[in-house]
Amino acid sequence: MTKAEFIATLKQEVPDVFATKAAAEKAYNAFCSILAKAALTESGTRLPGVGTLALTQRSARTGRNPRTGVAIKIPARKSVKFTPAATLAEKAHKH
């Protein structure tokens, strides 16, 4: 689903709250901003029924250039990990 499709669906699902696409887009942008800020905190963020976004530390490791096969060092870094909620994972397995 694209951003435009999501916004159109949001407007359609809650027409009394989002009278225009602009209002739905403003809410979408605010939600994404809040979610990104929360995901980058120590505790992460949990969306019941959807999943958890948490900041994790990835260790340094050795990788390989797939074209040449030469070993390369991949430095340690932080990344955001998404873990689906049990109910969402269960629905995905049935789908």
N, C-alpha and C. Protein backbone atom coordinates (compact mmCIF):
# COMPACT_ATOMS: atom_id res chain seq x y z
N MET A 1 0.86 -1.17 0.00
CA MET A 1 0.00 0.00 0.00
C MET A 1 0.91 1.23 0.00
N THR A 2 0.63 2.15 -0.89
CA THR A 2 1.40 3.38 -0.96
C THR A 2 0.88 4.39 0.05
N LYS A 3 1.65 5.46 0.24
CA LYS A 3 1.24 6.52 1.16
C LYS A 3 -0.09 7.11 0.69
N ALA A 4 -0.22 7.37 -0.59
CA ALA A 4 -1.46 7.95 -1.13
C ALA A 4 -2.66 7.02 -0.91
N GLU A 5 -2.44 5.73 -1.12
CA GLU A 5 -3.52 4.76 -0.89
C GLU A 5 -3.89 4.71 0.59
N PHE A 6 -2.89 4.77 1.46
CA PHE A 6 -3.15 4.74 2.90
C PHE A 6 -3.96 5.96 3.32
N ILE A 7 -3.58 7.12 2.83
CA ILE A 7 -4.29 8.36 3.16
C ILE A 7 -5.72 8.31 2.66
N ALA A 8 -5.93 7.83 1.44
CA ALA A 8 -7.27 7.71 0.89
C ALA A 8 -8.12 6.74 1.72
N THR A 9 -7.51 5.64 2.16
CA THR A 9 -8.22 4.67 2.99
C THR A 9 -8.55 5.26 4.35
N LEU A 10 -7.61 5.99 4.92
CA LEU A 10 -7.83 6.64 6.21
C LEU A 10 -9.01 7.60 6.13
N LYS A 11 -9.05 8.40 5.08
CA LYS A 11 -10.15 9.35 4.87
C LYS A 11 -11.48 8.60 4.71
N GLN A 12 -11.45 7.51 3.98
CA GLN A 12 -12.66 6.72 3.74
C GLN A 12 -13.16 6.02 5.02
N GLU A 13 -12.22 5.50 5.82
CA GLU A 13 -12.59 4.77 7.03
C GLU A 13 -13.12 5.67 8.14
N VAL A 14 -12.63 6.91 8.21
CA VAL A 14 -13.02 7.83 9.28
C VAL A 14 -13.42 9.18 8.66
N PRO A 15 -14.49 9.21 7.87
CA PRO A 15 -14.86 10.44 7.16
C PRO A 15 -15.29 11.59 8.07
N ASP A 16 -15.82 11.26 9.26
CA ASP A 16 -16.25 12.32 10.18
C ASP A 16 -15.06 13.03 10.83
N VAL A 17 -13.89 12.39 10.86
CA VAL A 17 -12.69 13.00 11.43
C VAL A 17 -11.85 13.66 10.34
N PHE A 18 -11.73 12.98 9.20
CA PHE A 18 -10.90 13.50 8.10
C PHE A 18 -11.79 13.85 6.92
N ALA A 19 -12.23 15.09 6.89
CA ALA A 19 -13.13 15.55 5.84
C ALA A 19 -12.40 15.70 4.51
N THR A 20 -11.09 15.93 4.56
CA THR A 20 -10.33 16.11 3.33
C THR A 20 -9.10 15.20 3.34
N LYS A 21 -8.54 15.00 2.14
CA LYS A 21 -7.31 14.22 2.05
C LYS A 21 -6.17 14.95 2.75
N ALA A 22 -6.21 16.29 2.70
CA ALA A 22 -5.16 17.08 3.36
C ALA A 22 -5.16 16.84 4.86
N ALA A 23 -6.34 16.74 5.46
CA ALA A 23 -6.43 16.48 6.90
C ALA A 23 -5.91 15.07 7.22
N ALA A 24 -6.27 14.11 6.39
CA ALA A 24 -5.80 12.74 6.59
C ALA A 24 -4.29 12.66 6.42
N GLU A 25 -3.74 13.39 5.45
CA GLU A 25 -2.30 13.38 5.23
C GLU A 25 -1.56 14.03 6.40
N LYS A 26 -2.13 15.09 6.94
CA LYS A 26 -1.52 15.76 8.10
C LYS A 26 -1.47 14.79 9.28
N ALA A 27 -2.54 14.04 9.51
CA ALA A 27 -2.57 13.06 10.60
C ALA A 27 -1.55 11.94 10.35
N TYR A 28 -1.47 11.49 9.11
CA TYR A 28 -0.51 10.43 8.74
C TYR A 28 0.92 10.90 8.99
N ASN A 29 1.24 12.10 8.56
CA ASN A 29 2.59 12.64 8.73
C ASN A 29 2.93 12.79 10.22
N ALA A 30 1.96 13.25 11.01
CA ALA A 30 2.19 13.40 12.45
C ALA A 30 2.41 12.03 13.10
N PHE A 31 1.61 11.06 12.72
CA PHE A 31 1.75 9.70 13.25
C PHE A 31 3.13 9.13 12.93
N CYS A 32 3.58 9.28 11.68
CA CYS A 32 4.89 8.77 11.28
C CYS A 32 6.01 9.45 12.04
N SER A 33 5.88 10.76 12.25
CA SER A 33 6.90 11.51 12.98
C SER A 33 6.98 11.05 14.43
N ILE A 34 5.85 10.90 15.06
CA ILE A 34 5.80 10.44 16.45
C ILE A 34 6.37 9.03 16.56
N LEU A 35 6.00 8.16 15.63
CA LEU A 35 6.46 6.78 15.64
C LEU A 35 7.98 6.71 15.46
N ALA A 36 8.52 7.50 14.54
CA ALA A 36 9.97 7.50 14.31
C ALA A 36 10.73 7.98 15.54
N LYS A 37 10.25 9.05 16.18
CA LYS A 37 10.91 9.56 17.39
C LYS A 37 10.86 8.52 18.50
N ALA A 38 9.72 7.88 18.68
CA ALA A 38 9.56 6.90 19.74
C ALA A 38 10.42 5.65 19.48
N ALA A 39 10.53 5.24 18.22
CA ALA A 39 11.32 4.05 17.88
C ALA A 39 12.79 4.25 18.19
N LEU A 40 13.27 5.50 18.16
CA LEU A 40 14.68 5.78 18.39
C LEU A 40 15.03 6.00 19.86
N THR A 41 14.07 5.80 20.76
CA THR A 41 14.33 5.90 22.19
C THR A 41 14.79 4.56 22.72
N GLU A 42 15.31 4.57 23.94
CA GLU A 42 15.78 3.33 24.57
C GLU A 42 14.68 2.28 24.68
N SER A 43 13.47 2.71 25.01
CA SER A 43 12.39 1.75 25.23
C SER A 43 11.65 1.39 23.95
N GLY A 44 11.87 2.12 22.85
CA GLY A 44 11.17 1.82 21.61
C GLY A 44 9.70 2.19 21.73
N THR A 45 8.90 1.60 20.85
CA THR A 45 7.47 1.86 20.91
C THR A 45 6.71 0.59 20.56
N ARG A 46 5.59 0.41 21.24
CA ARG A 46 4.76 -0.77 21.04
C ARG A 46 3.39 -0.36 20.56
N LEU A 47 2.95 -0.94 19.47
CA LEU A 47 1.61 -0.70 18.94
C LEU A 47 0.82 -2.00 19.11
N PRO A 48 -0.06 -2.07 20.12
CA PRO A 48 -0.81 -3.31 20.36
C PRO A 48 -1.56 -3.76 19.10
N GLY A 49 -1.43 -5.04 18.80
CA GLY A 49 -2.09 -5.60 17.63
C GLY A 49 -1.28 -5.46 16.35
N VAL A 50 -0.23 -4.63 16.39
CA VAL A 50 0.60 -4.42 15.19
C VAL A 50 2.00 -4.95 15.44
N GLY A 51 2.70 -4.39 16.42
CA GLY A 51 4.04 -4.85 16.72
C GLY A 51 4.85 -3.84 17.50
N THR A 52 6.15 -4.10 17.58
CA THR A 52 7.06 -3.27 18.35
C THR A 52 8.20 -2.81 17.46
N LEU A 53 8.55 -1.52 17.58
CA LEU A 53 9.72 -0.96 16.93
C LEU A 53 10.72 -0.65 18.02
N ALA A 54 11.94 -1.19 17.89
CA ALA A 54 12.94 -0.97 18.92
C ALA A 54 14.31 -0.75 18.28
N LEU A 55 15.09 0.10 18.92
CA LEU A 55 16.45 0.38 18.48
C LEU A 55 17.34 -0.75 18.97
N THR A 56 18.12 -1.34 18.08
CA THR A 56 19.01 -2.42 18.44
C THR A 56 20.43 -2.11 17.97
N GLN A 57 21.40 -2.74 18.59
CA GLN A 57 22.80 -2.58 18.23
C GLN A 57 23.22 -3.81 17.43
N ARG A 58 23.72 -3.59 16.22
CA ARG A 58 24.23 -4.70 15.41
C ARG A 58 25.74 -4.75 15.58
N SER A 59 26.27 -5.92 15.81
CA SER A 59 27.71 -6.10 16.02
C SER A 59 28.46 -5.95 14.70
N ALA A 60 29.74 -5.62 14.81
CA ALA A 60 30.60 -5.59 13.63
C ALA A 60 30.75 -7.02 13.13
N ARG A 61 30.90 -7.18 11.84
CA ARG A 61 31.03 -8.53 11.29
C ARG A 61 31.79 -8.48 9.96
N THR A 62 32.15 -9.63 9.48
CA THR A 62 32.82 -9.74 8.20
C THR A 62 31.80 -10.20 7.17
N GLY A 63 31.77 -9.50 6.05
CA GLY A 63 30.87 -9.86 4.96
C GLY A 63 31.68 -10.13 3.71
N ARG A 64 31.00 -10.39 2.62
CA ARG A 64 31.67 -10.65 1.35
C ARG A 64 31.03 -9.81 0.26
N ASN A 65 31.88 -9.26 -0.61
CA ASN A 65 31.40 -8.57 -1.78
C ASN A 65 30.86 -9.66 -2.71
N PRO A 66 29.57 -9.63 -3.04
CA PRO A 66 28.99 -10.71 -3.83
C PRO A 66 29.56 -10.80 -5.25
N ARG A 67 30.06 -9.71 -5.76
CA ARG A 67 30.59 -9.70 -7.11
C ARG A 67 32.00 -10.29 -7.18
N THR A 68 32.84 -9.94 -6.19
CA THR A 68 34.24 -10.36 -6.23
C THR A 68 34.57 -11.45 -5.22
N GLY A 69 33.76 -11.59 -4.18
CA GLY A 69 34.02 -12.58 -3.15
C GLY A 69 35.03 -12.11 -2.12
N VAL A 70 35.51 -10.88 -2.23
CA VAL A 70 36.49 -10.34 -1.29
C VAL A 70 35.82 -10.07 0.06
N ALA A 71 36.50 -10.46 1.14
CA ALA A 71 35.98 -10.21 2.48
C ALA A 71 36.05 -8.72 2.79
N ILE A 72 34.99 -8.20 3.42
CA ILE A 72 34.96 -6.79 3.82
C ILE A 72 34.50 -6.72 5.27
N LYS A 73 34.95 -5.68 5.97
CA LYS A 73 34.52 -5.48 7.35
C LYS A 73 33.29 -4.58 7.34
N ILE A 74 32.26 -5.04 8.02
CA ILE A 74 31.03 -4.26 8.17
C ILE A 74 31.03 -3.74 9.60
N PRO A 75 31.04 -2.41 9.78
CA PRO A 75 31.14 -1.85 11.12
C PRO A 75 29.85 -2.06 11.94
N ALA A 76 30.00 -1.97 13.26
CA ALA A 76 28.84 -2.04 14.15
C ALA A 76 27.97 -0.82 13.89
N ARG A 77 26.66 -0.99 14.08
CA ARG A 77 25.75 0.14 13.89
C ARG A 77 24.44 -0.13 14.61
N LYS A 78 23.69 0.93 14.77
CA LYS A 78 22.37 0.81 15.36
C LYS A 78 21.36 0.71 14.23
N SER A 79 20.29 -0.04 14.47
CA SER A 79 19.22 -0.15 13.49
C SER A 79 17.89 -0.30 14.22
N VAL A 80 16.82 -0.10 13.51
CA VAL A 80 15.49 -0.24 14.07
C VAL A 80 14.95 -1.61 13.66
N LYS A 81 14.48 -2.34 14.64
CA LYS A 81 13.95 -3.69 14.41
C LYS A 81 12.45 -3.69 14.64
N PHE A 82 11.72 -4.30 13.73
CA PHE A 82 10.27 -4.45 13.89
C PHE A 82 9.98 -5.89 14.24
N THR A 83 9.22 -6.08 15.32
CA THR A 83 8.77 -7.40 15.72
C THR A 83 7.24 -7.39 15.68
N PRO A 84 6.62 -8.20 14.82
CA PRO A 84 5.17 -8.18 14.74
C PRO A 84 4.52 -8.72 16.00
N ALA A 85 3.34 -8.20 16.31
CA ALA A 85 2.56 -8.70 17.45
C ALA A 85 2.11 -10.12 17.13
N ALA A 86 1.87 -10.89 18.15
CA ALA A 86 1.47 -12.29 17.96
C ALA A 86 0.22 -12.40 17.11
N THR A 87 -0.76 -11.53 17.33
CA THR A 87 -2.00 -11.60 16.56
C THR A 87 -1.75 -11.31 15.08
N LEU A 88 -0.87 -10.35 14.78
CA LEU A 88 -0.56 -10.02 13.40
C LEU A 88 0.21 -11.16 12.74
N ALA A 89 1.16 -11.72 13.45
CA ALA A 89 1.94 -12.84 12.93
C ALA A 89 1.05 -14.04 12.65
N GLU A 90 0.10 -14.27 13.53
CA GLU A 90 -0.83 -15.38 13.35
C GLU A 90 -1.69 -15.17 12.10
N LYS A 91 -2.17 -13.94 11.91
CA LYS A 91 -2.97 -13.63 10.71
C LYS A 91 -2.15 -13.80 9.45
N ALA A 92 -0.87 -13.44 9.50
CA ALA A 92 -0.01 -13.56 8.33
C ALA A 92 0.20 -15.02 7.96
N HIS A 93 0.32 -15.89 8.96
CA HIS A 93 0.52 -17.31 8.69
C HIS A 93 -0.73 -17.94 8.08
N LYS A 94 -1.90 -17.44 8.43
CA LYS A 94 -3.14 -17.97 7.89
C LYS A 94 -3.44 -17.44 6.50
N HIS A 95 -2.84 -16.29 6.18
CA HIS A 95 -3.15 -15.61 4.92
C HIS A 95 -2.52 -16.28 3.77
